[in-house]
Amino acid sequence: MALQDVCDFLEILDDSSPCTSLANEMGYMWRTPFEFDRDSPFHFLFPPQQNSRKHKTPTVLSSTLSCLSPHQQPFQLSHGTTTLGFIFQDGVIAAADTRASCKGLICCPISQKIMPIHSHLVVNTSGSGADCMLWERILTREMRLYQLRHRRRLSVNGAAKLLSMMLHPFKGTNVCVAATLCGWDRSGPRVCYVCSDGLQLKGEIISVGSGSPYAYAVLDDGWRWGMTVDEAVGLAREAVFRATHWDAYSGNNVDLFHITAHGCRRRDREDLKEEYYREREREKEKIKEREKERQKRELVEGEGEIYSGHCG
């Protein structure tokens, strides 16, 4: 308001608006964009129109917006992704694809779905991109404030509980956040899952997103506690690759983080398209090897029949 007074910006209310009859002076904030005064210096979105509303011809856009309530979307949004995190003897592995989609549209092929919170904690996010970015920043701020106040970092379980308590008031709204916290604290490697309705889960293997059923199929078959780092990295890459191969909403690249007691280390981003072609080449080589083995078997069987014929 002080800046408005200095710049001599005055918001003029439209007398023809039904909101002017409200006793609340801020009632104009609840009007639709078409009900704002066109001469206001705050109006930047719509071109100037005639002040008369009685002789205005309705447009397709205005008729569409008039049918929608303030909290209703013109179409239902659907999101898809593949994120996973699991623990093993040498730390925690966090992996995710990089495709951001909206229903049938690929919005961004190189999005960042794994964000470091501090040196020993990263978070995998799936859901609405804007909501995930906002709550990642809020969690980073709260974790930093806790570290400054108490001279120590908050544990992974404590961070999950904090995020759950902050998200719980938004239960039942359009906020869509599914976060997997992967980190190392005094208790060792930890993986926790927090949903936008306040749900909090802990486990050894957690995968979230539309590609998670395919990722779970690989993780359940190949995971074991005594894996080496190379085996864990290969398992995570295989899980994300299989999920992106069968899930249309996941794809493009794979990001991978390895968190230990010394901090988190990021692996170089890999293109899954190249992995797909390498997989096809391996399948062709296997087919050629099976064909060679079959030919050898037929040759040995043919020589055996010839030998038995001579003996007879």
C-alpha atoms as a PDB file:
ATOM      1  CA  MET A   1       0.000   0.000   0.000  1.00  0.00           C
ATOM      2  CA  ALA A   2       2.911   2.370   0.689  1.00  0.00           C
ATOM      3  CA  LEU A   3       4.331   1.715  -2.786  1.00  0.00           C
ATOM      4  CA  GLN A   4       0.900   2.309  -4.255  1.00  0.00           C
ATOM      5  CA  ASP A   5       0.672   5.718  -2.531  1.00  0.00           C
ATOM      6  CA  VAL A   6       4.161   6.728  -3.681  1.00  0.00           C
ATOM      7  CA  CYS A   7       3.445   5.799  -7.297  1.00  0.00           C
ATOM      8  CA  ASP A   8      -0.024   7.406  -7.202  1.00  0.00           C
ATOM      9  CA  PHE A   9      -1.654   4.136  -8.249  1.00  0.00           C
ATOM     10  CA  LEU A  10      -5.339   4.153  -7.365  1.00  0.00           C
ATOM     11  CA  GLU A  11      -7.591   1.149  -7.774  1.00  0.00           C
ATOM     12  CA  ILE A  12     -11.004   2.379  -9.003  1.00  0.00           C
ATOM     13  CA  LEU A  13     -13.908   0.068  -8.336  1.00  0.00           C
ATOM     14  CA  ASP A  14     -16.452  -0.554 -11.019  1.00  0.00           C
ATOM     15  CA  ASP A  15     -19.887   0.656  -9.965  1.00  0.00           C
ATOM     16  CA  SER A  16     -21.595  -1.925 -12.141  1.00  0.00           C
ATOM     17  CA  SER A  17     -19.840  -4.805 -10.360  1.00  0.00           C
ATOM     18  CA  PRO A  18     -21.961  -6.812  -7.921  1.00  0.00           C
ATOM     19  CA  CYS A  19     -19.029  -6.833  -5.494  1.00  0.00           C
ATOM     20  CA  THR A  20     -19.326  -3.095  -4.794  1.00  0.00           C
ATOM     21  CA  SER A  21     -22.336  -3.741  -2.610  1.00  0.00           C
ATOM     22  CA  LEU A  22     -20.212  -5.712  -0.176  1.00  0.00           C
ATOM     23  CA  ALA A  23     -19.270  -3.999   3.046  1.00  0.00           C
ATOM     24  CA  ASN A  24     -15.747  -5.404   2.848  1.00  0.00           C
ATOM     25  CA  GLU A  25     -13.387  -2.922   1.218  1.00  0.00           C
ATOM     26  CA  MET A  26     -11.316  -5.797  -0.265  1.00  0.00           C
ATOM     27  CA  GLY A  27     -14.340  -7.312  -1.955  1.00  0.00           C
ATOM     28  CA  TYR A  28     -12.988  -6.408  -5.390  1.00  0.00           C
ATOM     29  CA  MET A  29     -10.278  -9.026  -4.978  1.00  0.00           C
ATOM     30  CA  TRP A  30     -12.854 -11.796  -5.398  1.00  0.00           C
ATOM     31  CA  ARG A  31     -14.090 -10.658  -8.803  1.00  0.00           C
ATOM     32  CA  THR A  32     -13.325 -12.394 -12.061  1.00  0.00           C
ATOM     33  CA  PRO A  33     -10.681 -10.829 -14.348  1.00  0.00           C
ATOM     34  CA  PHE A  34     -13.377  -9.477 -16.664  1.00  0.00           C
ATOM     35  CA  GLU A  35     -14.908  -7.440 -13.840  1.00  0.00           C
ATOM     36  CA  PHE A  36     -11.832  -5.270 -13.151  1.00  0.00           C
ATOM     37  CA  ASP A  37     -11.695  -1.656 -14.216  1.00  0.00           C
ATOM     38  CA  ARG A  38     -10.001  -1.443 -17.603  1.00  0.00           C
ATOM     39  CA  ASP A  39      -8.482   1.957 -16.760  1.00  0.00           C
ATOM     40  CA  SER A  40      -6.660   0.619 -13.700  1.00  0.00           C
ATOM     41  CA  PRO A  41      -2.827   0.735 -13.916  1.00  0.00           C
ATOM     42  CA  PHE A  42      -2.768  -2.761 -12.342  1.00  0.00           C
ATOM     43  CA  HIS A  43      -4.579  -4.318 -15.302  1.00  0.00           C
ATOM     44  CA  PHE A  44      -2.011  -5.894 -17.647  1.00  0.00           C
ATOM     45  CA  LEU A  45      -3.577  -9.142 -18.856  1.00  0.00           C
ATOM     46  CA  PHE A  46      -6.562  -8.207 -20.995  1.00  0.00           C
ATOM     47  CA  PRO A  47      -6.865  -5.618 -23.801  1.00  0.00           C
ATOM     48  CA  PRO A  48      -9.024  -2.528 -23.158  1.00  0.00           C
ATOM     49  CA  GLN A  49     -12.707  -3.035 -23.843  1.00  0.00           C
ATOM     50  CA  GLN A  50     -15.756  -0.838 -23.808  1.00  0.00           C
ATOM     51  CA  ASN A  51     -17.047   0.199 -20.408  1.00  0.00           C
ATOM     52  CA  SER A  52     -20.610  -0.593 -21.347  1.00  0.00           C
ATOM     53  CA  ARG A  53     -21.577  -4.135 -20.339  1.00  0.00           C
ATOM     54  CA  LYS A  54     -25.156  -4.098 -21.575  1.00  0.00           C
ATOM     55  CA  HIS A  55     -24.325  -4.105 -25.294  1.00  0.00           C
ATOM     56  CA  LYS A  56     -21.284  -6.377 -25.068  1.00  0.00           C
ATOM     57  CA  THR A  57     -21.404  -9.491 -27.252  1.00  0.00           C
ATOM     58  CA  PRO A  58     -20.272 -12.598 -25.356  1.00  0.00           C
ATOM     59  CA  THR A  59     -17.146 -14.318 -26.639  1.00  0.00           C
ATOM     60  CA  VAL A  60     -16.239 -17.981 -26.510  1.00  0.00           C
ATOM     61  CA  LEU A  61     -13.631 -17.373 -23.792  1.00  0.00           C
ATOM     62  CA  SER A  62     -15.944 -15.303 -21.615  1.00  0.00           C
ATOM     63  CA  SER A  63     -18.771 -17.825 -21.891  1.00  0.00           C
ATOM     64  CA  THR A  64     -16.373 -20.648 -21.013  1.00  0.00           C
ATOM     65  CA  LEU A  65     -14.976 -18.865 -17.968  1.00  0.00           C
ATOM     66  CA  SER A  66     -18.444 -17.905 -16.794  1.00  0.00           C
ATOM     67  CA  CYS A  67     -19.411 -21.574 -16.650  1.00  0.00           C
ATOM     68  CA  LEU A  68     -16.416 -22.452 -14.483  1.00  0.00           C
ATOM     69  CA  SER A  69     -16.305 -21.961 -10.757  1.00  0.00           C
ATOM     70  CA  PRO A  70     -13.234 -20.211  -9.270  1.00  0.00           C
ATOM     71  CA  HIS A  71     -11.840 -23.569  -8.061  1.00  0.00           C
ATOM     72  CA  GLN A  72     -12.690 -25.680 -11.122  1.00  0.00           C
ATOM     73  CA  GLN A  73     -10.185 -26.586 -13.828  1.00  0.00           C
ATOM     74  CA  PRO A  74     -11.179 -26.667 -17.509  1.00  0.00           C
ATOM     75  CA  PHE A  75      -9.893 -30.284 -17.734  1.00  0.00           C
ATOM     76  CA  GLN A  76      -8.558 -32.857 -15.341  1.00  0.00           C
ATOM     77  CA  LEU A  77      -4.767 -32.875 -15.136  1.00  0.00           C
ATOM     78  CA  SER A  78      -2.885 -36.159 -14.879  1.00  0.00           C
ATOM     79  CA  HIS A  79       0.775 -36.500 -14.026  1.00  0.00           C
ATOM     80  CA  GLY A  80       3.255 -39.329 -14.424  1.00  0.00           C
ATOM     81  CA  THR A  81       6.790 -40.045 -13.303  1.00  0.00           C
ATOM     82  CA  THR A  82       9.100 -42.706 -11.891  1.00  0.00           C
ATOM     83  CA  THR A  83      11.086 -42.065  -8.714  1.00  0.00           C
ATOM     84  CA  LEU A  84      12.695 -44.594  -6.400  1.00  0.00           C
ATOM     85  CA  GLY A  85      14.936 -44.844  -3.370  1.00  0.00           C
ATOM     86  CA  PHE A  86      16.376 -47.797  -1.472  1.00  0.00           C
ATOM     87  CA  ILE A  87      18.969 -48.461   1.192  1.00  0.00           C
ATOM     88  CA  PHE A  88      21.814 -50.986   1.275  1.00  0.00           C
ATOM     89  CA  GLN A  89      24.994 -51.578   3.223  1.00  0.00           C
ATOM     90  CA  ASP A  90      26.930 -48.728   1.569  1.00  0.00           C
ATOM     91  CA  GLY A  91      24.316 -45.987   1.727  1.00  0.00           C
ATOM     92  CA  VAL A  92      21.179 -44.860  -0.101  1.00  0.00           C
ATOM     93  CA  ILE A  93      20.414 -44.739  -3.813  1.00  0.00           C
ATOM     94  CA  ALA A  94      17.919 -42.191  -5.176  1.00  0.00           C
ATOM     95  CA  ALA A  95      16.961 -42.287  -8.860  1.00  0.00           C
ATOM     96  CA  ALA A  96      14.325 -40.682 -11.070  1.00  0.00           C
ATOM     97  CA  ASP A  97      13.511 -39.966 -14.680  1.00  0.00           C
ATOM     98  CA  THR A  98      13.436 -36.442 -16.143  1.00  0.00           C
ATOM     99  CA  ARG A  99      10.166 -36.309 -18.106  1.00  0.00           C
ATOM    100  CA  ALA A 100       7.532 -33.800 -16.919  1.00  0.00           C
ATOM    101  CA  SER A 101       4.167 -34.557 -18.502  1.00  0.00           C
ATOM    102  CA  CYS A 102       0.647 -33.187 -18.378  1.00  0.00           C
ATOM    103  CA  LYS A 103      -1.880 -35.746 -19.579  1.00  0.00           C
ATOM    104  CA  GLY A 104      -0.704 -36.570 -23.121  1.00  0.00           C
ATOM    105  CA  LEU A 105       1.695 -33.637 -23.398  1.00  0.00           C
ATOM    106  CA  ILE A 106       5.429 -33.800 -22.601  1.00  0.00           C
ATOM    107  CA  CYS A 107       6.029 -30.414 -21.006  1.00  0.00           C
ATOM    108  CA  CYS A 108       9.740 -30.746 -20.225  1.00  0.00           C
ATOM    109  CA  PRO A 109      12.098 -33.635 -21.068  1.00  0.00           C
ATOM    110  CA  ILE A 110      14.931 -32.488 -18.758  1.00  0.00           C
ATOM    111  CA  SER A 111      13.207 -31.610 -15.497  1.00  0.00           C
ATOM    112  CA  GLN A 112      15.011 -32.072 -12.164  1.00  0.00           C
ATOM    113  CA  LYS A 113      13.040 -34.386  -9.855  1.00  0.00           C
ATOM    114  CA  ILE A 114      15.788 -35.017  -7.281  1.00  0.00           C
ATOM    115  CA  MET A 115      16.721 -31.974  -5.219  1.00  0.00           C
ATOM    116  CA  PRO A 116      19.425 -31.842  -2.525  1.00  0.00           C
ATOM    117  CA  ILE A 117      18.135 -30.460   0.781  1.00  0.00           C
ATOM    118  CA  HIS A 118      21.557 -30.466   2.429  1.00  0.00           C
ATOM    119  CA  SER A 119      24.805 -32.421   2.101  1.00  0.00           C
ATOM    120  CA  HIS A 120      23.300 -35.680   3.478  1.00  0.00           C
ATOM    121  CA  LEU A 121      19.670 -35.502   2.302  1.00  0.00           C
ATOM    122  CA  VAL A 122      17.947 -35.435  -1.091  1.00  0.00           C
ATOM    123  CA  VAL A 123      14.257 -35.576  -1.925  1.00  0.00           C
ATOM    124  CA  ASN A 124      12.543 -37.339  -4.839  1.00  0.00           C
ATOM    125  CA  THR A 125       9.347 -35.546  -5.873  1.00  0.00           C
ATOM    126  CA  SER A 126       6.389 -36.562  -7.991  1.00  0.00           C
ATOM    127  CA  GLY A 127       3.073 -34.834  -8.518  1.00  0.00           C
ATOM    128  CA  SER A 128       2.418 -31.258  -9.547  1.00  0.00           C
ATOM    129  CA  GLY A 129       5.676 -29.599 -10.563  1.00  0.00           C
ATOM    130  CA  ALA A 130       4.869 -26.205  -9.040  1.00  0.00           C
ATOM    131  CA  ASP A 131       3.750 -27.699  -5.718  1.00  0.00           C
ATOM    132  CA  CYS A 132       6.836 -29.902  -5.512  1.00  0.00           C
ATOM    133  CA  MET A 133       9.214 -27.002  -6.130  1.00  0.00           C
ATOM    134  CA  LEU A 134       7.464 -24.843  -3.543  1.00  0.00           C
ATOM    135  CA  TRP A 135       7.549 -27.458  -0.773  1.00  0.00           C
ATOM    136  CA  GLU A 136      11.153 -28.382  -1.561  1.00  0.00           C
ATOM    137  CA  ARG A 137      12.126 -24.769  -0.922  1.00  0.00           C
ATOM    138  CA  ILE A 138      10.035 -24.588   2.236  1.00  0.00           C
ATOM    139  CA  LEU A 139      11.587 -27.794   3.577  1.00  0.00           C
ATOM    140  CA  THR A 140      15.092 -26.558   2.731  1.00  0.00           C
ATOM    141  CA  ARG A 141      14.430 -23.334   4.613  1.00  0.00           C
ATOM    142  CA  GLU A 142      13.055 -25.080   7.693  1.00  0.00           C
ATOM    143  CA  MET A 143      15.932 -27.566   7.747  1.00  0.00           C
ATOM    144  CA  ARG A 144      18.445 -24.738   7.537  1.00  0.00           C
ATOM    145  CA  LEU A 145      16.720 -22.807  10.342  1.00  0.00           C
ATOM    146  CA  TYR A 146      16.732 -25.929  12.524  1.00  0.00           C
ATOM    147  CA  GLN A 147      20.445 -26.406  11.910  1.00  0.00           C
ATOM    148  CA  LEU A 148      21.186 -22.792  12.826  1.00  0.00           C
ATOM    149  CA  ARG A 149      19.124 -22.958  16.024  1.00  0.00           C
ATOM    150  CA  HIS A 150      20.283 -26.341  17.339  1.00  0.00           C
ATOM    151  CA  ARG A 151      23.795 -26.600  15.828  1.00  0.00           C
ATOM    152  CA  ARG A 152      23.008 -29.968  14.275  1.00  0.00           C
ATOM    153  CA  ARG A 153      21.088 -31.361  11.322  1.00  0.00           C
ATOM    154  CA  LEU A 154      17.596 -32.762  11.675  1.00  0.00           C
ATOM    155  CA  SER A 155      17.331 -36.514  11.126  1.00  0.00           C
ATOM    156  CA  VAL A 156      15.672 -37.983   8.051  1.00  0.00           C
ATOM    157  CA  ASN A 157      12.702 -39.220  10.086  1.00  0.00           C
ATOM    158  CA  GLY A 158      12.426 -35.796  11.719  1.00  0.00           C
ATOM    159  CA  ALA A 159      12.464 -34.087   8.318  1.00  0.00           C
ATOM    160  CA  ALA A 160       9.727 -36.444   7.083  1.00  0.00           C
ATOM    161  CA  LYS A 161       7.634 -35.723  10.167  1.00  0.00           C
ATOM    162  CA  LEU A 162       8.142 -31.969   9.726  1.00  0.00           C
ATOM    163  CA  LEU A 163       7.079 -32.091   6.073  1.00  0.00           C
ATOM    164  CA  SER A 164       4.083 -34.267   6.968  1.00  0.00           C
ATOM    165  CA  MET A 165       2.898 -31.779   9.597  1.00  0.00           C
ATOM    166  CA  MET A 166       3.268 -28.875   7.169  1.00  0.00           C
ATOM    167  CA  LEU A 167       1.337 -30.668   4.401  1.00  0.00           C
ATOM    168  CA  HIS A 168      -1.480 -32.045   6.556  1.00  0.00           C
ATOM    169  CA  PRO A 169      -3.532 -28.783   6.622  1.00  0.00           C
ATOM    170  CA  PHE A 170      -3.738 -28.989   2.814  1.00  0.00           C
ATOM    171  CA  LYS A 171      -5.430 -32.405   2.865  1.00  0.00           C
ATOM    172  CA  GLY A 172      -8.379 -32.460   0.484  1.00  0.00           C
ATOM    173  CA  THR A 173      -7.145 -29.548  -1.625  1.00  0.00           C
ATOM    174  CA  ASN A 174      -5.569 -29.537  -5.079  1.00  0.00           C
ATOM    175  CA  VAL A 175      -2.053 -29.672  -3.625  1.00  0.00           C
ATOM    176  CA  CYS A 176      -0.344 -32.726  -5.149  1.00  0.00           C
ATOM    177  CA  VAL A 177       3.041 -33.612  -3.634  1.00  0.00           C
ATOM    178  CA  ALA A 178       4.599 -37.049  -3.149  1.00  0.00           C
ATOM    179  CA  ALA A 179       8.105 -36.767  -1.699  1.00  0.00           C
ATOM    180  CA  THR A 180      10.620 -39.516  -0.959  1.00  0.00           C
ATOM    181  CA  LEU A 181      13.320 -38.390   1.476  1.00  0.00           C
ATOM    182  CA  CYS A 182      16.596 -40.282   1.023  1.00  0.00           C
ATOM    183  CA  GLY A 183      19.459 -39.503   3.364  1.00  0.00           C
ATOM    184  CA  TRP A 184      22.006 -40.497   5.981  1.00  0.00           C
ATOM    185  CA  ASP A 185      21.882 -39.470   9.640  1.00  0.00           C
ATOM    186  CA  ARG A 186      23.220 -40.798  12.928  1.00  0.00           C
ATOM    187  CA  SER A 187      21.055 -43.907  12.609  1.00  0.00           C
ATOM    188  CA  GLY A 188      22.444 -44.752   9.178  1.00  0.00           C
ATOM    189  CA  PRO A 189      20.703 -44.800   5.792  1.00  0.00           C
ATOM    190  CA  ARG A 190      17.025 -43.887   5.809  1.00  0.00           C
ATOM    191  CA  VAL A 191      14.242 -43.655   3.209  1.00  0.00           C
ATOM    192  CA  CYS A 192      10.881 -42.035   4.084  1.00  0.00           C
ATOM    193  CA  TYR A 193       7.793 -41.242   2.022  1.00  0.00           C
ATOM    194  CA  VAL A 194       5.521 -38.235   2.622  1.00  0.00           C
ATOM    195  CA  CYS A 195       2.296 -37.524   0.726  1.00  0.00           C
ATOM    196  CA  SER A 196       0.385 -34.267   0.367  1.00  0.00           C
ATOM    197  CA  ASP A 197      -2.372 -35.501   2.710  1.00  0.00           C
ATOM    198  CA  GLY A 198       0.148 -35.908   5.545  1.00  0.00           C
ATOM    199  CA  LEU A 199       0.817 -39.638   5.146  1.00  0.00           C
ATOM    200  CA  GLN A 200       4.270 -40.707   6.347  1.00  0.00           C
ATOM    201  CA  LEU A 201       5.858 -44.105   5.633  1.00  0.00           C
ATOM    202  CA  LYS A 202       9.272 -45.684   6.184  1.00  0.00           C
ATOM    203  CA  GLY A 203      10.788 -48.597   4.310  1.00  0.00           C
ATOM    204  CA  GLU A 204      13.802 -50.133   2.656  1.00  0.00           C
ATOM    205  CA  ILE A 205      12.496 -49.729  -0.911  1.00  0.00           C
ATOM    206  CA  ILE A 206      10.112 -46.942  -1.975  1.00  0.00           C
ATOM    207  CA  SER A 207       9.064 -46.137  -5.527  1.00  0.00           C
ATOM    208  CA  VAL A 208       6.466 -43.512  -6.458  1.00  0.00           C
ATOM    209  CA  GLY A 209       4.810 -42.545  -9.722  1.00  0.00           C
ATOM    210  CA  SER A 210       2.980 -44.072 -12.640  1.00  0.00           C
ATOM    211  CA  GLY A 211       6.030 -46.178 -13.475  1.00  0.00           C
ATOM    212  CA  SER A 212       6.480 -47.513  -9.940  1.00  0.00           C
ATOM    213  CA  PRO A 213       4.808 -50.922 -10.600  1.00  0.00           C
ATOM    214  CA  TYR A 214       7.439 -51.697 -13.247  1.00  0.00           C
ATOM    215  CA  ALA A 215      10.240 -50.370 -11.035  1.00  0.00           C
ATOM    216  CA  TYR A 216       9.058 -52.492  -8.096  1.00  0.00           C
ATOM    217  CA  ALA A 217       9.186 -55.592 -10.306  1.00  0.00           C
ATOM    218  CA  VAL A 218      12.914 -55.041 -10.866  1.00  0.00           C
ATOM    219  CA  LEU A 219      13.723 -53.865  -7.335  1.00  0.00           C
ATOM    220  CA  ASP A 220      11.968 -56.747  -5.587  1.00  0.00           C
ATOM    221  CA  ASP A 221      13.830 -59.263  -7.709  1.00  0.00           C
ATOM    222  CA  GLY A 222      17.338 -57.760  -7.520  1.00  0.00           C
ATOM    223  CA  TRP A 223      17.561 -55.909  -4.191  1.00  0.00           C
ATOM    224  CA  ARG A 224      19.569 -57.299  -1.304  1.00  0.00           C
ATOM    225  CA  TRP A 225      21.271 -55.647   1.653  1.00  0.00           C
ATOM    226  CA  GLY A 226      24.801 -56.815   0.823  1.00  0.00           C
ATOM    227  CA  MET A 227      25.010 -55.237  -2.618  1.00  0.00           C
ATOM    228  CA  THR A 228      28.062 -53.335  -3.741  1.00  0.00           C
ATOM    229  CA  VAL A 229      27.840 -49.756  -4.998  1.00  0.00           C
ATOM    230  CA  ASP A 230      28.145 -50.819  -8.636  1.00  0.00           C
ATOM    231  CA  GLU A 231      25.397 -53.414  -8.219  1.00  0.00           C
ATOM    232  CA  ALA A 232      23.103 -50.880  -6.508  1.00  0.00           C
ATOM    233  CA  VAL A 233      23.680 -48.291  -9.234  1.00  0.00           C
ATOM    234  CA  GLY A 234      23.030 -50.902 -11.924  1.00  0.00           C
ATOM    235  CA  LEU A 235      19.823 -52.024 -10.194  1.00  0.00           C
ATOM    236  CA  ALA A 236      18.508 -48.445  -9.942  1.00  0.00           C
ATOM    237  CA  ARG A 237      19.319 -47.749 -13.586  1.00  0.00           C
ATOM    238  CA  GLU A 238      17.650 -50.982 -14.656  1.00  0.00           C
ATOM    239  CA  ALA A 239      14.508 -50.195 -12.621  1.00  0.00           C
ATOM    240  CA  VAL A 240      14.148 -46.696 -14.076  1.00  0.00           C
ATOM    241  CA  PHE A 241      14.886 -47.957 -17.581  1.00  0.00           C
ATOM    242  CA  ARG A 242      12.232 -50.697 -17.402  1.00  0.00           C
ATOM    243  CA  ALA A 243       9.687 -48.241 -15.986  1.00  0.00           C
ATOM    244  CA  THR A 244      10.335 -45.652 -18.681  1.00  0.00           C
ATOM    245  CA  HIS A 245      10.189 -48.327 -21.375  1.00  0.00           C
ATOM    246  CA  TRP A 246       6.665 -49.424 -20.425  1.00  0.00           C
ATOM    247  CA  ASP A 247       5.248 -46.213 -18.929  1.00  0.00           C
ATOM    248  CA  ALA A 248       4.417 -43.460 -21.443  1.00  0.00           C
ATOM    249  CA  TYR A 249       4.585 -40.697 -18.813  1.00  0.00           C
ATOM    250  CA  SER A 250       8.199 -41.515 -17.825  1.00  0.00           C
ATOM    251  CA  GLY A 251      11.308 -41.276 -19.949  1.00  0.00           C
ATOM    252  CA  ASN A 252      14.124 -39.252 -21.507  1.00  0.00           C
ATOM    253  CA  ASN A 253      16.966 -39.385 -18.904  1.00  0.00           C
ATOM    254  CA  VAL A 254      17.829 -40.861 -15.527  1.00  0.00           C
ATOM    255  CA  ASP A 255      19.262 -38.924 -12.572  1.00  0.00           C
ATOM    256  CA  LEU A 256      20.957 -40.873  -9.787  1.00  0.00           C
ATOM    257  CA  PHE A 257      22.318 -39.866  -6.359  1.00  0.00           C
ATOM    258  CA  HIS A 258      24.377 -41.936  -3.924  1.00  0.00           C
ATOM    259  CA  ILE A 259      24.223 -40.783  -0.288  1.00  0.00           C
ATOM    260  CA  THR A 260      26.740 -42.019   2.281  1.00  0.00           C
ATOM    261  CA  ALA A 261      28.096 -40.845   5.634  1.00  0.00           C
ATOM    262  CA  HIS A 262      30.453 -38.534   3.715  1.00  0.00           C
ATOM    263  CA  GLY A 263      27.636 -36.791   1.823  1.00  0.00           C
ATOM    264  CA  CYS A 264      25.735 -37.178  -1.425  1.00  0.00           C
ATOM    265  CA  ARG A 265      27.355 -37.706  -4.808  1.00  0.00           C
ATOM    266  CA  ARG A 266      25.557 -37.242  -8.097  1.00  0.00           C
ATOM    267  CA  ARG A 267      26.099 -39.504 -11.072  1.00  0.00           C
ATOM    268  CA  ASP A 268      26.195 -37.978 -14.543  1.00  0.00           C
ATOM    269  CA  ARG A 269      22.822 -37.824 -16.251  1.00  0.00           C
ATOM    270  CA  GLU A 270      22.310 -40.639 -18.762  1.00  0.00           C
ATOM    271  CA  ASP A 271      20.090 -40.740 -21.805  1.00  0.00           C
ATOM    272  CA  LEU A 272      17.706 -43.689 -21.639  1.00  0.00           C
ATOM    273  CA  LYS A 273      17.403 -43.765 -25.415  1.00  0.00           C
ATOM    274  CA  GLU A 274      21.009 -44.918 -25.661  1.00  0.00           C
ATOM    275  CA  GLU A 275      20.316 -47.541 -22.987  1.00  0.00           C
ATOM    276  CA  TYR A 276      17.358 -48.761 -25.035  1.00  0.00           C
ATOM    277  CA  TYR A 277      19.523 -49.216 -28.148  1.00  0.00           C
ATOM    278  CA  ARG A 278      22.198 -50.960 -26.096  1.00  0.00           C
ATOM    279  CA  GLU A 279      19.523 -53.305 -24.771  1.00  0.00           C
ATOM    280  CA  ARG A 280      18.383 -54.068 -28.295  1.00  0.00           C
ATOM    281  CA  GLU A 281      21.954 -54.858 -29.334  1.00  0.00           C
ATOM    282  CA  ARG A 282      22.343 -57.201 -26.354  1.00  0.00           C
ATOM    283  CA  GLU A 283      19.129 -58.985 -27.331  1.00  0.00           C
ATOM    284  CA  LYS A 284      20.362 -59.397 -30.917  1.00  0.00           C
ATOM    285  CA  GLU A 285      23.649 -60.850 -29.646  1.00  0.00           C
ATOM    286  CA  LYS A 286      21.749 -63.301 -27.440  1.00  0.00           C
ATOM    287  CA  ILE A 287      19.628 -64.371 -30.413  1.00  0.00           C
ATOM    288  CA  LYS A 288      22.776 -64.932 -32.500  1.00  0.00           C
ATOM    289  CA  GLU A 289      24.377 -66.992 -29.707  1.00  0.00           C
ATOM    290  CA  ARG A 290      21.255 -69.157 -29.376  1.00  0.00           C
ATOM    291  CA  GLU A 291      21.223 -69.652 -33.146  1.00  0.00           C
ATOM    292  CA  LYS A 292      24.885 -70.738 -33.113  1.00  0.00           C
ATOM    293  CA  GLU A 293      24.218 -73.169 -30.266  1.00  0.00           C
ATOM    294  CA  ARG A 294      21.268 -74.621 -32.166  1.00  0.00           C
ATOM    295  CA  GLN A 295      23.355 -75.093 -35.285  1.00  0.00           C
ATOM    296  CA  LYS A 296      26.105 -76.809 -33.279  1.00  0.00           C
ATOM    297  CA  ARG A 297      23.547 -79.124 -31.705  1.00  0.00           C
ATOM    298  CA  GLU A 298      22.099 -80.015 -35.093  1.00  0.00           C
ATOM    299  CA  LEU A 299      25.579 -80.634 -36.461  1.00  0.00           C
ATOM    300  CA  VAL A 300      26.487 -82.945 -33.542  1.00  0.00           C
ATOM    301  CA  GLU A 301      23.192 -84.813 -33.865  1.00  0.00           C
ATOM    302  CA  GLY A 302      23.702 -85.196 -37.648  1.00  0.00           C
ATOM    303  CA  GLU A 303      27.229 -86.613 -37.139  1.00  0.00           C
ATOM    304  CA  GLY A 304      25.853 -89.045 -34.539  1.00  0.00           C
ATOM    305  CA  GLU A 305      23.234 -90.313 -36.967  1.00  0.00           C
ATOM    306  CA  ILE A 306      25.857 -90.782 -39.692  1.00  0.00           C
ATOM    307  CA  TYR A 307      28.143 -92.687 -37.294  1.00  0.00           C
ATOM    308  CA  SER A 308      25.327 -94.964 -36.173  1.00  0.00           C
ATOM    309  CA  GLY A 309      24.453 -95.629 -39.817  1.00  0.00           C
ATOM    310  CA  HIS A 310      28.000 -96.740 -40.602  1.00  0.00           C
ATOM    311  CA  CYS A 311      28.115 -99.000 -37.564  1.00  0.00           C
ATOM    312  CA  GLY A 312      24.857-100.603 -38.595  1.00  0.00           C
END
